[in-house]
C-alpha atoms as a PDB file:
ATOM      1  CA  MET A   1      61.126 107.763 123.760  1.00  0.00           C
ATOM      2  CA  LEU A   2      60.259 106.376 120.098  1.00  0.00           C
ATOM      3  CA  SER A   3      63.076 108.463 118.874  1.00  0.00           C
ATOM      4  CA  ARG A   4      65.837 107.041 121.067  1.00  0.00           C
ATOM      5  CA  LEU A   5      64.075 103.242 120.418  1.00  0.00           C
ATOM      6  CA  GLY A   6      64.605 104.011 116.765  1.00  0.00           C
ATOM      7  CA  LYS A   7      68.331 104.936 116.815  1.00  0.00           C
ATOM      8  CA  GLN A   8      68.849 102.238 119.274  1.00  0.00           C
ATOM      9  CA  GLY A   9      67.437  99.878 116.928  1.00  0.00           C
ATOM     10  CA  PHE A  10      68.765 101.128 113.750  1.00  0.00           C
ATOM     11  CA  ARG A  11      72.403 100.410 115.512  1.00  0.00           C
ATOM     12  CA  LEU A  12      71.682  96.716 116.329  1.00  0.00           C
ATOM     13  CA  ALA A  13      69.933  96.204 112.718  1.00  0.00           C
ATOM     14  CA  GLN A  14      73.541  97.577 111.296  1.00  0.00           C
ATOM     15  CA  THR A  15      75.455  94.353 112.943  1.00  0.00           C
ATOM     16  CA  SER A  16      76.011  91.020 110.634  1.00  0.00           C
ATOM     17  CA  PRO A  17      74.050  88.708 112.780  1.00  0.00           C
ATOM     18  CA  ALA A  18      70.700  90.861 112.604  1.00  0.00           C
ATOM     19  CA  GLY A  19      70.243  90.807 109.109  1.00  0.00           C
ATOM     20  CA  PHE A  20      68.040  87.816 109.581  1.00  0.00           C
ATOM     21  CA  LEU A  21      66.340  89.180 112.515  1.00  0.00           C
ATOM     22  CA  VAL A  22      66.070  92.553 110.399  1.00  0.00           C
ATOM     23  CA  ARG A  23      64.220  90.467 107.481  1.00  0.00           C
ATOM     24  CA  SER A  24      62.505  88.550 110.153  1.00  0.00           C
ATOM     25  CA  CYS A  25      60.799  92.131 111.678  1.00  0.00           C
ATOM     26  CA  PHE A  26      59.714  93.131 108.455  1.00  0.00           C
ATOM     27  CA  THR A  27      58.270  90.117 107.148  1.00  0.00           C
ATOM     28  CA  LEU A  28      56.542  88.942 110.426  1.00  0.00           C
ATOM     29  CA  PHE A  29      56.086  91.939 112.405  1.00  0.00           C
ATOM     30  CA  PRO A  30      56.350  95.285 110.862  1.00  0.00           C
ATOM     31  CA  ARG A  31      53.891  96.990 113.104  1.00  0.00           C
ATOM     32  CA  LEU A  32      56.130  96.169 115.982  1.00  0.00           C
ATOM     33  CA  LEU A  33      59.110  98.091 114.468  1.00  0.00           C
ATOM     34  CA  PRO A  34      60.065 101.302 115.717  1.00  0.00           C
ATOM     35  CA  LEU A  35      59.328 103.091 112.734  1.00  0.00           C
ATOM     36  CA  ARG A  36      56.950 105.510 111.973  1.00  0.00           C
ATOM     37  CA  SER A  37      54.315 104.192 108.854  1.00  0.00           C
ATOM     38  CA  VAL A  38      53.907 106.737 105.911  1.00  0.00           C
ATOM     39  CA  GLY A  39      51.867 104.635 104.012  1.00  0.00           C
ATOM     40  CA  HIS A  40      51.772 100.587 102.775  1.00  0.00           C
ATOM     41  CA  SER A  41      50.945  98.413  99.992  1.00  0.00           C
ATOM     42  CA  VAL A  42      50.364  94.361  99.998  1.00  0.00           C
ATOM     43  CA  SER A  43      54.283  93.636  99.674  1.00  0.00           C
ATOM     44  CA  ALA A  44      56.123  96.771 100.967  1.00  0.00           C
ATOM     45  CA  GLY A  45      55.825  99.434 103.700  1.00  0.00           C
ATOM     46  CA  ALA A  46      57.364 103.142 103.484  1.00  0.00           C
ATOM     47  CA  TYR A  47      58.471 104.626 106.840  1.00  0.00           C
ATOM     48  CA  ARG A  48      60.049 108.099 108.098  1.00  0.00           C
ATOM     49  CA  HIS A  49      64.078 107.028 108.182  1.00  0.00           C
ATOM     50  CA  PRO A  50      64.693 106.506 112.059  1.00  0.00           C
ATOM     51  CA  VAL A  51      68.267 108.314 111.851  1.00  0.00           C
ATOM     52  CA  PRO A  52      68.200 110.738 108.745  1.00  0.00           C
ATOM     53  CA  SER A  53      71.570 111.290 107.541  1.00  0.00           C
ATOM     54  CA  TYR A  54      70.537 113.595 104.312  1.00  0.00           C
ATOM     55  CA  GLY A  55      67.396 115.683 102.967  1.00  0.00           C
ATOM     56  CA  SER A  56      64.693 117.662 105.243  1.00  0.00           C
ATOM     57  CA  VAL A  57      62.594 114.322 103.522  1.00  0.00           C
ATOM     58  CA  HIS A  58      63.974 111.430 104.549  1.00  0.00           C
ATOM     59  CA  PHE A  59      62.145 107.559 104.258  1.00  0.00           C
ATOM     60  CA  LEU A  60      62.590 104.242 103.534  1.00  0.00           C
ATOM     61  CA  VAL A  61      60.544 101.540 101.634  1.00  0.00           C
ATOM     62  CA  VAL A  62      61.186  98.002 102.515  1.00  0.00           C
ATOM     63  CA  PRO A  63      59.289  95.264 101.170  1.00  0.00           C
ATOM     64  CA  HIS A  64      57.215  92.718 103.641  1.00  0.00           C
ATOM     65  CA  ARG A  65      59.283  89.551 102.561  1.00  0.00           C
ATOM     66  CA  PRO A  66      62.513  88.718 103.679  1.00  0.00           C
ATOM     67  CA  ILE A  67      64.765  89.632 100.854  1.00  0.00           C
ATOM     68  CA  ARG A  68      68.456  90.123 101.439  1.00  0.00           C
ATOM     69  CA  ASP A  69      69.190  92.594  98.886  1.00  0.00           C
ATOM     70  CA  VAL A  70      68.962  93.692  95.349  1.00  0.00           C
ATOM     71  CA  PHE A  71      70.073  90.599  93.684  1.00  0.00           C
ATOM     72  CA  HIS A  72      67.011  88.729  95.564  1.00  0.00           C
ATOM     73  CA  LEU A  73      64.780  91.550  94.419  1.00  0.00           C
ATOM     74  CA  ALA A  74      66.100  91.076  91.067  1.00  0.00           C
ATOM     75  CA  HIS A  75      64.906  87.262  90.798  1.00  0.00           C
ATOM     76  CA  PRO A  76      62.108  86.698  88.787  1.00  0.00           C
ATOM     77  CA  GLU A  77      60.418  84.696  91.626  1.00  0.00           C
ATOM     78  CA  ASN A  78      60.215  88.467  93.542  1.00  0.00           C
ATOM     79  CA  GLY A  79      58.519  90.096  90.337  1.00  0.00           C
ATOM     80  CA  THR A  80      55.580  90.900  91.878  1.00  0.00           C
ATOM     81  CA  VAL A  81      57.020  91.612  95.168  1.00  0.00           C
ATOM     82  CA  ARG A  82      59.251  93.794  93.377  1.00  0.00           C
ATOM     83  CA  THR A  83      56.434  95.848  91.226  1.00  0.00           C
ATOM     84  CA  ASP A  84      54.552  96.431  94.531  1.00  0.00           C
ATOM     85  CA  PHE A  85      57.629  97.515  96.053  1.00  0.00           C
ATOM     86  CA  LEU A  86      58.729 100.062  93.225  1.00  0.00           C
ATOM     87  CA  CYS A  87      54.979 101.250  92.888  1.00  0.00           C
ATOM     88  CA  LEU A  88      54.699 102.152  96.607  1.00  0.00           C
ATOM     89  CA  ALA A  89      58.121 103.922  96.242  1.00  0.00           C
ATOM     90  CA  GLU A  90      56.801 106.031  93.426  1.00  0.00           C
ATOM     91  CA  ARG A  91      53.582 107.012  95.210  1.00  0.00           C
ATOM     92  CA  THR A  92      55.934 107.857  98.541  1.00  0.00           C
ATOM     93  CA  GLN A  93      58.172 110.084  96.283  1.00  0.00           C
ATOM     94  CA  GLU A  94      55.015 111.974  94.594  1.00  0.00           C
ATOM     95  CA  ALA A  95      53.578 112.442  98.675  1.00  0.00           C
ATOM     96  CA  PHE A  96      56.219 113.600 100.057  1.00  0.00           C
ATOM     97  CA  GLY A  97      58.328 115.610  97.370  1.00  0.00           C
ATOM     98  CA  ALA A  98      60.865 113.068  97.529  1.00  0.00           C
ATOM     99  CA  ARG A  99      63.385 113.828  93.987  1.00  0.00           C
ATOM    100  CA  SER A 100      65.466 111.266  94.784  1.00  0.00           C
ATOM    101  CA  SER A 101      65.880 107.634  95.173  1.00  0.00           C
ATOM    102  CA  VAL A 102      68.699 104.864  96.144  1.00  0.00           C
ATOM    103  CA  ILE A 103      69.037 101.142  96.962  1.00  0.00           C
ATOM    104  CA  ASN A 104      72.719 100.652  98.252  1.00  0.00           C
ATOM    105  CA  CYS A 105      74.268  97.524  97.576  1.00  0.00           C
ATOM    106  CA  GLY A 106      77.036  95.439  99.056  1.00  0.00           C
ATOM    107  CA  PRO A 107      78.842  97.186 102.113  1.00  0.00           C
ATOM    108  CA  ARG A 108      76.740 100.139 101.411  1.00  0.00           C
ATOM    109  CA  GLN A 109      74.008  98.519 102.244  1.00  0.00           C
ATOM    110  CA  ASP A 110      74.180  98.813 106.343  1.00  0.00           C
ATOM    111  CA  VAL A 111      71.027  96.425 107.131  1.00  0.00           C
ATOM    112  CA  GLY A 112      70.419  92.670 105.816  1.00  0.00           C
ATOM    113  CA  GLN A 113      67.344  93.936 104.091  1.00  0.00           C
ATOM    114  CA  VAL A 114      66.656  95.546 100.837  1.00  0.00           C
ATOM    115  CA  HIS A 115      65.392  98.920 100.835  1.00  0.00           C
ATOM    116  CA  MET A 116      65.423 102.310  99.226  1.00  0.00           C
ATOM    117  CA  HIS A 117      65.826 105.292 100.637  1.00  0.00           C
ATOM    118  CA  LEU A 118      63.467 108.240  99.077  1.00  0.00           C
ATOM    119  CA  THR A 119      65.189 111.958  99.863  1.00  0.00           C
ATOM    120  CA  ASP A 120      64.399 115.818  98.548  1.00  0.00           C
ATOM    121  CA  GLU A 121      68.109 116.121  98.485  1.00  0.00           C
ATOM    122  CA  PRO A 122      70.004 115.665  95.040  1.00  0.00           C
ATOM    123  CA  LEU A 123      72.331 112.656  95.259  1.00  0.00           C
ATOM    124  CA  PRO A 124      76.013 113.256  93.798  1.00  0.00           C
ATOM    125  CA  ILE A 125      76.295 110.847  90.826  1.00  0.00           C
ATOM    126  CA  ASP A 126      79.581 109.494  89.202  1.00  0.00           C
ATOM    127  CA  GLU A 127      78.711 110.021  85.389  1.00  0.00           C
ATOM    128  CA  THR A 128      82.219 107.993  84.536  1.00  0.00           C
ATOM    129  CA  HIS A 129      80.942 105.069  86.240  1.00  0.00           C
ATOM    130  CA  SER A 130      77.324 105.011  85.513  1.00  0.00           C
ATOM    131  CA  LEU A 131      75.487 102.944  83.312  1.00  0.00           C
ATOM    132  CA  GLN A 132      71.708 104.603  82.244  1.00  0.00           C
ATOM    133  CA  TYR A 133      68.533 103.074  82.830  1.00  0.00           C
ATOM    134  CA  GLN A 134      65.156 104.145  81.786  1.00  0.00           C
ATOM    135  CA  SER A 135      63.097 102.918  85.290  1.00  0.00           C
ATOM    136  CA  TRP A 136      63.598 101.131  88.708  1.00  0.00           C
ATOM    137  CA  GLU A 137      62.608  97.782  87.150  1.00  0.00           C
ATOM    138  CA  GLN A 138      65.191  98.231  84.145  1.00  0.00           C
ATOM    139  CA  ALA A 139      68.308  99.010  86.357  1.00  0.00           C
ATOM    140  CA  VAL A 140      67.529  96.086  89.080  1.00  0.00           C
ATOM    141  CA  VAL A 141      66.630  93.308  86.818  1.00  0.00           C
ATOM    142  CA  SER A 142      69.532  94.170  84.487  1.00  0.00           C
ATOM    143  CA  LEU A 143      72.111  93.763  87.448  1.00  0.00           C
ATOM    144  CA  SER A 144      72.938  90.474  86.743  1.00  0.00           C
ATOM    145  CA  GLY A 145      73.703  91.477  83.143  1.00  0.00           C
ATOM    146  CA  VAL A 146      76.476  93.851  84.021  1.00  0.00           C
ATOM    147  CA  ALA A 147      79.745  92.157  83.337  1.00  0.00           C
ATOM    148  CA  ASP A 148      82.187  93.155  86.468  1.00  0.00           C
ATOM    149  CA  VAL A 149      78.755  93.644  89.040  1.00  0.00           C
ATOM    150  CA  SER A 150      80.804  91.217  91.235  1.00  0.00           C
ATOM    151  CA  GLU A 151      83.407  93.246  91.708  1.00  0.00           C
ATOM    152  CA  ARG A 152      81.608  96.109  92.247  1.00  0.00           C
ATOM    153  CA  LEU A 153      79.510  94.209  94.639  1.00  0.00           C
ATOM    154  CA  LYS A 154      82.960  94.199  97.059  1.00  0.00           C
ATOM    155  CA  GLU A 155      83.368  97.750  97.135  1.00  0.00           C
ATOM    156  CA  GLY A 156      79.510  98.158  97.230  1.00  0.00           C
ATOM    157  CA  PHE A 157      77.675 100.463  94.704  1.00  0.00           C
ATOM    158  CA  SER A 158      74.454 102.157  94.720  1.00  0.00           C
ATOM    159  CA  LEU A 159      71.656 102.468  92.613  1.00  0.00           C
ATOM    160  CA  VAL A 160      70.257 106.411  92.344  1.00  0.00           C
ATOM    161  CA  GLN A 161      67.761 108.122  90.529  1.00  0.00           C
ATOM    162  CA  ASN A 162      67.430 112.084  90.600  1.00  0.00           C
ATOM    163  CA  GLY A 163      64.339 113.427  89.424  1.00  0.00           C
ATOM    164  CA  VAL A 164      62.600 111.569  86.719  1.00  0.00           C
ATOM    165  CA  GLY A 165      63.364 109.244  84.369  1.00  0.00           C
ATOM    166  CA  SER A 166      67.025 107.712  84.739  1.00  0.00           C
ATOM    167  CA  ALA A 167      67.774 105.329  87.209  1.00  0.00           C
ATOM    168  CA  VAL A 168      71.881 105.264  87.356  1.00  0.00           C
ATOM    169  CA  PHE A 169      73.836 102.482  88.542  1.00  0.00           C
ATOM    170  CA  LEU A 170      77.058 103.889  90.621  1.00  0.00           C
ATOM    171  CA  SER A 171      80.514 102.199  91.135  1.00  0.00           C
END
């Protein structure tokens, strides 16, 4: 039953008008969402992905504050939430053996709330269109300084981390 509700809720969350609703639910009613919680912090929650598409381990980490996308997450006013969100992602990754993480942007972001995917499957990286960063914090905050980021956003891109250490910006 929960699995069926999760899949239906996920399809609904992918529609354009649902962005506001999704952000509101994660902010006001996270426990009512048809997601199985695997961890939480003051500002974020970690959940099993309702419709996993890769890996034997697939989780979502989502802030409990309405944050539309990674650009809003990078804003200084969201610094405390961003730090807490990234720390929860790291703890969840370690606890469940996830090796890769990704934040999708633009058309690649299916729902209207910033979130991170965690998986045990290595994700493909296009080295010719990437910028290396030392940490998720640096990758997220540095986005506004990327010269053609608005052009890349139109097509969609992902921030990917495989293994420990480097976050990579993909076009």
